[in-house]
Protein backbone atom coordinates (compact mmCIF):
# COMPACT_ATOMS: atom_id res chain seq x y z
CA MET A 1 88.54 69.23 1.68
CA GLU A 2 90.88 72.38 2.05
CA TYR A 3 89.16 73.55 -1.23
CA ILE A 4 85.70 73.17 0.23
CA LYS A 5 86.91 74.92 3.32
CA GLY A 6 88.80 77.80 1.19
CA ALA A 7 85.46 78.21 -1.13
CA LEU A 8 83.30 78.52 1.96
CA ALA A 9 85.08 81.28 3.43
CA SER A 10 85.22 83.04 0.09
CA ILE A 11 81.56 82.72 0.03
CA ILE A 12 80.97 83.78 3.75
CA ASP A 13 83.20 86.82 3.30
CA ASN A 14 81.17 88.09 0.33
CA LYS A 15 77.74 86.71 1.63
CA ALA A 16 75.53 89.63 -0.20
CA ARG A 17 77.35 89.30 -3.56
CA SER A 18 77.48 85.51 -3.34
CA LEU A 19 73.40 85.49 -2.32
CA LEU A 20 73.10 87.60 -5.64
CA THR A 21 74.79 85.23 -7.55
CA MET A 22 72.89 82.50 -6.21
CA LEU A 23 69.57 84.13 -7.04
CA GLY A 24 69.02 82.75 -10.52
CA ILE A 25 70.02 79.12 -9.30
CA ILE A 26 67.38 79.29 -6.74
CA ILE A 27 64.74 80.59 -8.96
CA GLY A 28 65.44 78.15 -11.63
CA ILE A 29 65.52 75.26 -9.22
CA ALA A 30 62.31 76.14 -7.45
CA SER A 31 60.90 76.79 -10.41
CA VAL A 32 61.56 73.29 -12.11
CA ILE A 33 61.15 71.26 -9.02
CA THR A 34 57.31 72.79 -8.75
CA ILE A 35 56.60 72.13 -12.53
CA LEU A 36 57.90 68.61 -12.27
CA ALA A 37 55.88 68.26 -8.83
CA ILE A 38 52.51 69.36 -10.51
CA GLY A 39 53.23 67.22 -13.73
CA ASN A 40 53.75 64.10 -11.25
CA GLY A 41 50.78 65.02 -8.90
CA LEU A 42 48.41 65.31 -12.48
CA LYS A 43 49.52 61.89 -13.73
CA PHE A 44 49.38 60.07 -10.40
CA THR A 45 45.75 61.80 -9.83
CA VAL A 46 44.29 60.83 -13.29
CA GLY A 47 46.15 57.51 -13.39
CA GLY A 48 43.82 56.90 -10.18
CA GLU A 49 40.82 57.92 -11.57
CA LEU A 50 40.91 55.67 -14.59
CA ASP A 51 41.72 52.64 -12.37
CA ASP A 52 38.38 53.85 -10.56
CA MET A 53 36.73 54.00 -13.78
CA GLN A 54 37.81 50.75 -14.71
CA SER A 55 39.74 48.05 -13.09
CA GLY A 56 42.02 46.80 -15.84
CA GLY A 57 38.98 46.63 -18.14
CA VAL A 58 39.43 46.34 -21.97
CA THR A 59 36.80 48.02 -24.60
CA MET A 60 36.31 46.07 -27.51
CA VAL A 61 35.08 48.42 -30.77
CA ILE A 62 33.57 47.29 -33.83
CA ASN A 63 34.23 50.14 -36.48
CA PRO A 64 30.95 51.08 -38.28
CA LYS A 65 33.00 52.50 -41.17
CA LYS A 66 34.21 49.07 -41.91
CA THR A 67 31.16 46.95 -40.99
CA ASP A 68 27.63 47.20 -40.66
CA LYS A 69 27.33 44.10 -38.28
CA PHE A 70 26.82 44.15 -34.64
CA LEU A 71 26.34 41.98 -31.91
CA THR A 72 23.76 40.98 -29.36
CA GLY A 73 23.72 40.76 -25.71
CA ASN A 74 23.61 37.05 -25.84
CA GLU A 75 26.92 37.05 -28.21
CA VAL A 76 28.85 39.30 -25.76
CA ARG A 77 28.18 37.38 -22.97
CA ALA A 78 29.11 33.92 -25.05
CA ILE A 79 32.58 35.70 -25.94
CA GLY A 80 33.20 36.12 -22.60
CA GLU A 81 32.69 32.57 -22.02
CA GLN A 82 35.18 31.72 -24.64
CA ILE A 83 38.20 33.92 -23.22
CA PRO A 84 39.66 31.81 -20.45
CA GLU A 85 42.17 35.00 -19.58
CA ALA A 86 39.05 36.92 -18.70
CA TYR A 87 36.34 36.95 -15.92
CA GLY A 88 33.79 37.52 -18.63
CA ALA A 89 32.61 40.29 -20.92
CA SER A 90 29.52 42.74 -21.03
CA PRO A 91 27.64 45.45 -22.89
CA SER A 92 28.26 49.00 -21.72
CA VAL A 93 25.40 51.47 -22.03
CA SER A 94 25.20 54.72 -20.11
CA ALA A 95 22.89 57.71 -19.58
CA TYR A 96 22.45 60.83 -17.67
CA MET A 97 19.35 60.75 -15.80
CA ASP A 98 17.32 62.78 -13.12
CA ILE A 99 17.25 60.75 -9.85
CA THR A 100 14.34 60.79 -7.11
CA GLY A 101 14.50 59.17 -3.61
CA ARG A 102 14.65 61.18 -0.44
CA TYR A 103 16.36 63.84 -2.28
CA LYS A 104 16.42 64.93 -5.80
CA THR A 105 19.39 64.43 -7.59
CA SER A 106 20.99 63.52 -10.70
CA GLY A 107 23.63 61.10 -11.90
CA SER A 108 25.47 58.98 -14.49
CA ILE A 109 23.37 55.45 -14.95
CA ARG A 110 25.63 52.48 -16.34
CA GLY A 111 24.21 49.50 -17.96
CA GLY A 112 25.88 45.97 -18.16
CA ASN A 113 25.20 42.58 -17.46
CA GLU A 114 25.82 40.48 -14.56
CA ASN A 115 29.63 40.42 -15.68
CA ALA A 116 30.11 44.33 -14.98
CA ILE A 117 30.65 43.45 -11.18
CA TYR A 118 34.28 42.73 -12.43
CA GLY A 119 34.76 45.81 -13.34
CA GLN A 120 34.32 47.43 -9.80
CA THR A 121 37.30 48.45 -7.99
CA GLU A 122 35.21 47.79 -4.46
CA SER A 123 33.50 45.28 -3.13
CA ILE A 124 29.67 44.49 -2.06
CA VAL A 125 29.45 45.40 1.50
CA SER A 126 25.42 44.63 1.85
CA GLY A 127 22.82 42.90 -0.58
CA ARG A 128 24.43 41.59 -4.08
CA PHE A 129 25.05 42.56 -7.74
CA TYR A 130 22.32 42.18 -10.45
CA ASN A 131 22.32 38.51 -11.64
CA SER A 132 21.85 37.11 -15.06
CA ASP A 133 17.94 36.53 -15.13
CA GLU A 134 17.87 40.48 -14.15
CA SER A 135 20.19 41.49 -16.93
CA GLU A 136 18.44 39.47 -19.22
CA SER A 137 14.96 40.24 -18.32
CA GLY A 138 15.39 44.22 -17.88
CA SER A 139 14.54 44.03 -14.14
CA ALA A 140 14.35 47.37 -12.41
CA VAL A 141 17.09 46.69 -9.90
CA ALA A 142 20.32 49.06 -9.47
CA VAL A 143 23.46 48.84 -7.58
CA LEU A 144 24.68 51.67 -5.55
CA THR A 145 27.96 52.86 -4.03
CA GLN A 146 27.50 53.90 -0.14
CA GLU A 147 28.33 57.17 -1.40
CA GLY A 148 25.50 57.19 -3.71
CA ALA A 149 22.97 55.82 -1.18
CA VAL A 150 23.79 58.81 1.04
CA MET A 151 23.45 61.50 -2.08
CA ILE A 152 20.21 59.65 -2.90
CA PHE A 153 18.37 58.32 0.73
CA GLY A 154 20.63 60.26 3.32
CA THR A 155 21.94 57.04 4.79
CA THR A 156 23.49 53.85 3.66
CA ASP A 157 21.01 51.61 4.87
CA ALA A 158 19.39 51.61 1.36
CA VAL A 159 19.23 48.29 0.25
CA GLY A 160 15.51 47.43 -0.40
CA LYS A 161 14.62 50.79 -1.00
CA THR A 162 13.26 52.36 -4.27
CA PHE A 163 14.12 55.66 -6.24
CA GLU A 164 12.83 56.83 -9.44
CA LEU A 165 15.02 57.47 -12.54
CA GLN A 166 13.83 59.75 -15.20
CA TYR A 167 14.78 60.07 -18.58
CA GLY A 168 12.97 62.98 -20.75
CA SER A 169 9.48 61.78 -20.43
CA GLN A 170 10.08 58.33 -19.35
CA SER A 171 10.28 57.37 -15.68
CA ARG A 172 10.91 54.03 -13.92
CA GLU A 173 10.90 52.99 -10.44
CA VAL A 174 14.00 50.99 -9.36
CA MET A 175 14.90 49.08 -6.43
CA VAL A 176 18.46 48.92 -4.79
CA VAL A 177 19.48 45.41 -4.44
CA GLY A 178 23.27 45.86 -3.29
CA LEU A 179 25.67 48.37 -1.92
CA LEU A 180 29.38 48.99 -2.97
CA ARG A 181 31.82 49.98 -0.53
CA SER A 182 32.99 53.77 -0.23
CA THR A 183 35.51 55.48 1.81
CA GLU A 184 34.67 56.98 5.24
CA GLU A 185 35.68 60.42 3.71
CA GLN A 186 33.37 59.87 0.83
CA ILE A 187 30.51 58.75 2.81
CA LYS A 188 30.96 61.88 4.69
CA ASN A 189 31.27 64.61 2.31
CA ALA A 190 28.26 62.88 0.67
CA TYR A 191 25.74 63.74 3.45
CA PRO A 192 24.05 67.30 2.55
CA ARG A 193 25.20 70.55 3.93
CA SER A 194 22.99 73.23 4.45
CA GLY A 195 23.87 76.17 2.31
CA VAL A 196 26.82 74.68 0.55
CA GLU A 197 26.25 73.44 -3.17
CA SER A 198 27.29 69.79 -3.64
CA TYR A 199 29.07 68.82 -7.24
CA ASN A 200 29.26 65.38 -6.33
CA TYR A 201 26.88 63.04 -8.42
CA PRO A 202 26.12 59.77 -7.77
CA THR A 203 26.70 56.50 -10.11
CA VAL A 204 24.15 53.89 -10.65
CA TYR A 205 24.76 50.42 -11.98
CA VAL A 206 21.73 48.83 -13.71
CA PRO A 207 21.13 45.94 -16.14
CA TYR A 208 21.66 47.37 -19.47
CA THR A 209 18.55 45.93 -20.60
CA LEU A 210 16.63 48.24 -18.33
CA LEU A 211 18.07 51.19 -20.10
CA THR A 212 17.49 49.53 -23.68
CA GLN A 213 14.18 47.89 -23.03
CA GLY A 214 12.74 50.12 -20.11
CA PHE A 215 13.65 53.65 -21.48
CA GLY A 216 14.27 52.82 -25.20
CA MET A 217 18.00 53.83 -25.41
CA PRO A 218 19.89 52.66 -28.27
CA GLY A 219 22.11 49.80 -26.87
CA GLU A 220 20.45 46.33 -28.60
CA ASN A 221 22.76 46.61 -31.44
CA ILE A 222 26.02 46.40 -30.00
CA THR A 223 29.24 47.77 -31.49
CA SER A 224 31.35 47.86 -28.34
CA TYR A 225 31.64 45.97 -25.05
CA GLN A 226 34.16 45.63 -22.32
CA ILE A 227 36.02 42.47 -21.08
CA PHE A 228 37.56 41.91 -17.82
CA PRO A 229 40.84 40.29 -18.10
CA HIS A 230 42.57 38.13 -15.22
CA PRO A 231 45.56 40.38 -13.87
CA GLY A 232 48.39 40.45 -15.92
CA GLU A 233 46.19 39.19 -18.97
CA GLN A 234 45.04 42.21 -20.94
CA ASP A 235 47.09 41.63 -24.20
CA PRO A 236 46.24 37.87 -24.62
CA ALA A 237 42.32 38.28 -23.19
CA SER A 238 42.18 41.17 -25.74
CA LEU A 239 43.84 39.31 -28.74
CA ARG A 240 41.24 36.28 -27.90
CA ALA A 241 38.16 38.38 -27.74
CA ARG A 242 39.32 40.17 -31.09
CA ARG A 243 39.23 36.80 -32.78
CA VAL A 244 36.24 35.46 -31.35
CA THR A 245 34.60 38.75 -32.19
CA GLU A 246 35.52 38.51 -35.80
CA ASN A 247 34.58 34.72 -36.22
CA ILE A 248 30.98 35.48 -34.77
CA LEU A 249 30.52 38.17 -37.19
CA GLY A 250 32.33 36.56 -40.14
CA ILE A 251 34.66 39.77 -40.71
CA ARG A 252 38.14 38.12 -40.14
CA GLY A 253 40.96 39.96 -41.87
CA GLU A 254 39.10 43.27 -42.45
CA GLY A 255 40.42 44.67 -39.19
CA ALA A 256 37.13 46.23 -38.32
CA VAL A 257 37.49 45.01 -34.36
CA SER A 258 40.21 47.19 -32.44
CA VAL A 259 40.86 47.61 -28.68
CA GLN A 260 40.85 50.31 -26.39
CA SER A 261 42.01 49.87 -22.74
CA TYR A 262 42.42 52.36 -19.90
CA ALA A 263 45.97 51.14 -19.50
CA SER A 264 46.64 52.21 -23.34
CA MET A 265 45.11 55.47 -22.74
CA LEU A 266 46.87 55.95 -19.31
CA ALA A 267 50.16 55.36 -21.36
CA THR A 268 49.29 57.21 -24.01
CA PHE A 269 48.40 60.22 -21.41
CA ASP A 270 51.84 59.79 -19.67
CA ARG A 271 53.82 60.21 -22.60
CA ILE A 272 51.74 63.26 -23.47
CA LEU A 273 52.26 64.85 -19.89
CA ASN A 274 55.52 63.70 -19.70
CA ILE A 275 56.67 65.94 -23.20
CA VAL A 276 54.74 68.74 -21.71
CA THR A 277 55.99 68.92 -18.34
CA TYR A 278 59.80 68.29 -19.51
CA VAL A 279 59.28 71.13 -22.05
CA VAL A 280 57.50 73.63 -19.91
CA ALA A 281 60.59 72.48 -17.04
CA PHE A 282 63.08 73.10 -19.87
CA ILE A 283 62.02 76.52 -19.96
CA ALA A 284 61.99 77.27 -16.45
CA ALA A 285 65.64 75.75 -16.37
CA ILE A 286 66.62 78.49 -18.85
CA SER A 287 67.16 80.72 -15.64
CA LEU A 288 69.63 78.26 -14.60
CA ILE A 289 71.52 78.80 -17.45
CA VAL A 290 71.37 82.39 -16.56
CA GLY A 291 72.19 81.87 -13.14
CA GLY A 292 75.41 80.07 -14.47
CA ILE A 293 76.43 83.36 -16.71
CA GLY A 294 76.09 84.82 -13.29
CA VAL A 295 78.59 82.61 -11.31
CA MET A 296 80.86 83.04 -14.35
CA ASN A 297 80.70 86.82 -13.92
CA ILE A 298 81.04 87.01 -10.68
CA MET A 299 84.00 84.27 -10.60
CA THR A 300 85.72 86.54 -13.02
CA VAL A 301 85.46 89.65 -10.68
CA SER A 302 86.60 87.40 -8.00
CA VAL A 303 89.49 86.19 -9.95
CA THR A 304 90.65 89.95 -10.76
CA GLU A 305 90.15 91.01 -7.15
CA ARG A 306 92.71 88.26 -6.16
CA THR A 307 95.08 88.49 -8.67
CA ARG A 308 97.75 89.54 -6.29
CA GLU A 309 96.80 86.49 -4.03
CA ILE A 310 97.11 84.25 -7.09
CA GLY A 311 100.36 85.66 -7.85
CA ILE A 312 101.97 85.03 -4.20
CA ARG A 313 100.32 81.43 -3.99
CA LYS A 314 102.22 80.71 -7.29
CA ALA A 315 105.61 82.34 -6.20
CA LEU A 316 105.17 80.28 -3.18
CA GLY A 317 105.17 76.89 -5.56
CA ALA A 318 101.18 76.51 -5.61
CA ARG A 319 100.69 74.32 -8.73
CA THR A 320 98.42 75.18 -11.42
CA ASP A 321 95.92 72.42 -10.97
CA SER A 322 95.48 73.36 -7.27
CA ILE A 323 94.64 77.05 -8.44
CA LEU A 324 92.29 75.81 -10.96
CA ALA A 325 90.76 73.36 -8.33
CA GLN A 326 90.33 75.98 -5.71
CA PHE A 327 88.26 78.43 -7.92
CA LEU A 328 86.29 75.28 -9.61
CA ALA A 329 85.40 74.46 -6.05
CA GLU A 330 84.13 77.88 -5.28
CA SER A 331 81.82 78.02 -8.20
CA ALA A 332 80.42 74.46 -7.72
CA MET A 333 79.77 75.27 -3.84
CA ILE A 334 77.99 78.75 -5.03
CA THR A 335 75.49 76.73 -7.21
CA LEU A 336 75.48 73.63 -4.69
CA ILE A 337 74.21 76.01 -2.11
CA GLY A 338 71.78 77.92 -4.38
CA GLY A 339 70.55 74.55 -5.36
CA ILE A 340 69.51 73.63 -1.74
CA ILE A 341 68.11 76.60 -1.15
CA GLY A 342 66.09 76.55 -4.46
CA MET A 343 64.97 72.91 -3.37
CA LEU A 344 63.51 74.23 -0.25
CA ALA A 345 62.05 76.97 -2.17
CA GLY A 346 60.48 74.52 -4.59
CA TYR A 347 58.92 72.45 -1.63
CA GLY A 348 57.39 75.79 0.06
CA LEU A 349 56.23 76.85 -3.64
CA THR A 350 54.98 73.22 -3.90
CA PHE A 351 52.98 73.34 -0.73
CA ILE A 352 51.55 76.89 -1.30
CA VAL A 353 50.35 75.66 -4.96
CA SER A 354 48.91 72.69 -3.46
CA HIS A 355 45.96 74.66 -1.82
CA PHE A 356 44.92 76.04 -5.17
CA MET A 357 44.59 72.68 -7.05
CA SER A 358 42.25 69.92 -7.06
CA PHE A 359 44.98 67.52 -7.02
CA PRO A 360 48.03 67.21 -4.76
CA PRO A 361 51.62 67.46 -6.55
CA ARG A 362 54.07 64.72 -5.97
CA VAL A 363 57.55 65.65 -5.42
CA GLU A 364 59.94 62.95 -6.60
CA ILE A 365 63.09 62.77 -4.79
CA ALA A 366 64.77 61.37 -8.05
CA ASP A 367 63.70 64.65 -9.77
CA VAL A 368 65.06 66.78 -6.56
CA LEU A 369 68.50 64.84 -6.92
CA MET A 370 68.64 65.22 -10.78
CA VAL A 371 67.69 69.10 -10.61
CA VAL A 372 70.51 69.81 -7.80
CA LEU A 373 73.12 67.67 -9.77
CA ILE A 374 72.25 69.56 -13.01
CA SER A 375 72.78 73.05 -11.12
CA THR A 376 76.16 71.92 -9.43
CA SER A 377 77.37 70.83 -13.08
CA ILE A 378 76.26 74.19 -14.42
CA GLY A 379 78.65 75.48 -11.58
CA LEU A 380 81.40 73.46 -12.61
CA PHE A 381 80.74 74.36 -16.33
CA PHE A 382 80.49 78.06 -15.73
CA GLY A 383 83.39 78.11 -13.53
CA ILE A 384 85.98 76.61 -16.04
CA TYR A 385 86.51 79.81 -17.77
CA PRO A 386 87.51 81.96 -14.66
CA ALA A 387 89.42 78.98 -12.95
CA LEU A 388 91.57 78.71 -16.09
CA ARG A 389 92.01 82.25 -16.12
CA ALA A 390 93.22 81.98 -12.35
CA ALA A 391 95.35 79.04 -13.14
CA LYS A 392 97.05 80.39 -16.32
CA MET A 393 98.15 83.80 -14.56
CA ASP A 394 101.67 84.91 -14.83
CA PRO A 395 102.80 84.83 -11.13
CA ILE A 396 105.14 87.95 -11.90
CA GLU A 397 102.30 90.08 -13.85
CA ALA A 398 100.22 88.80 -10.83
CA LEU A 399 102.48 90.29 -8.39
CA ARG A 400 102.74 93.37 -9.94
CA TYR A 401 98.83 93.93 -10.18
CA GLU A 402 97.62 96.76 -8.08
């Protein structure tokens, strides 16, 4: 404890010099914390968006370079029925179309069969999802989110209302049969505001046969489809789906069927972003090394200035290890205090940066503790040379020093 008190007293006695010494540590800590917070925030945001796109869905893909065979809609439905680990399977057809209701807009039109409901992250709040008969016949029905209903009709009371879908020169009148839940904030932001241009667009869920039969879009010859596994059953469900697909098409052993899941996409994204984040953080951490060199320089000057004091302490019986501990404690305290200030500066910088980004940065406590621990370790490492120099000083020569 006496070493810490002595270190603090020395830092207070030389406030300006100590602050300048800490500057490199402060900048380094603040930069690293901000970069890690941005990386964590981006991972969290993208992960959430992938979850929203597909709740645990797995996409099965038939490689056209390895086979010219394909599935029909009925075969996809049959595959889902043969996978006990999944709720079902659905073709996936999508397009971007003009939409005309009370308001004119455009949006993403996603086609599937009745099993596509298992891919929704939100529940039905009114009406229903389209059924198997409507899926097979290509009925002009649709399911909207509450947010999408407001964008098209200006109200969430949309079940039973009709709107027009236009794709090129073709158009169809479609009736809303159900609504998926949206958050209150999403609904509020969906209402048109005078003078404010909206960059949000509705998503419309329809039977895939409406797109293939009603609008003539390709999709009857299915080379990819989705299965919706039970929680924790992604791997066995996807393996069984691949075997069943290969059996139906008669292509076992050809490696023509592959698995693409949002979970694997997210894992790959996490790995890539972690590498990028830590490389950038490492570059920013170079200032910590510079700060450590500054600590070594200032501690060397401090040893020189206190040569006579060291000589007196040794003459009075101070041990070598106590002198060593005194100067190591002082260098560690400089970097620790610098680390704490840098941590607070990092929090402040992250808060400022958050106002200029489309996603919120996330400060992880583990990252903060790791960075502060590293900064303190740097202080100890770079304090070794001046501390050893002080500890090995000849007391007689030290007492003669002017």
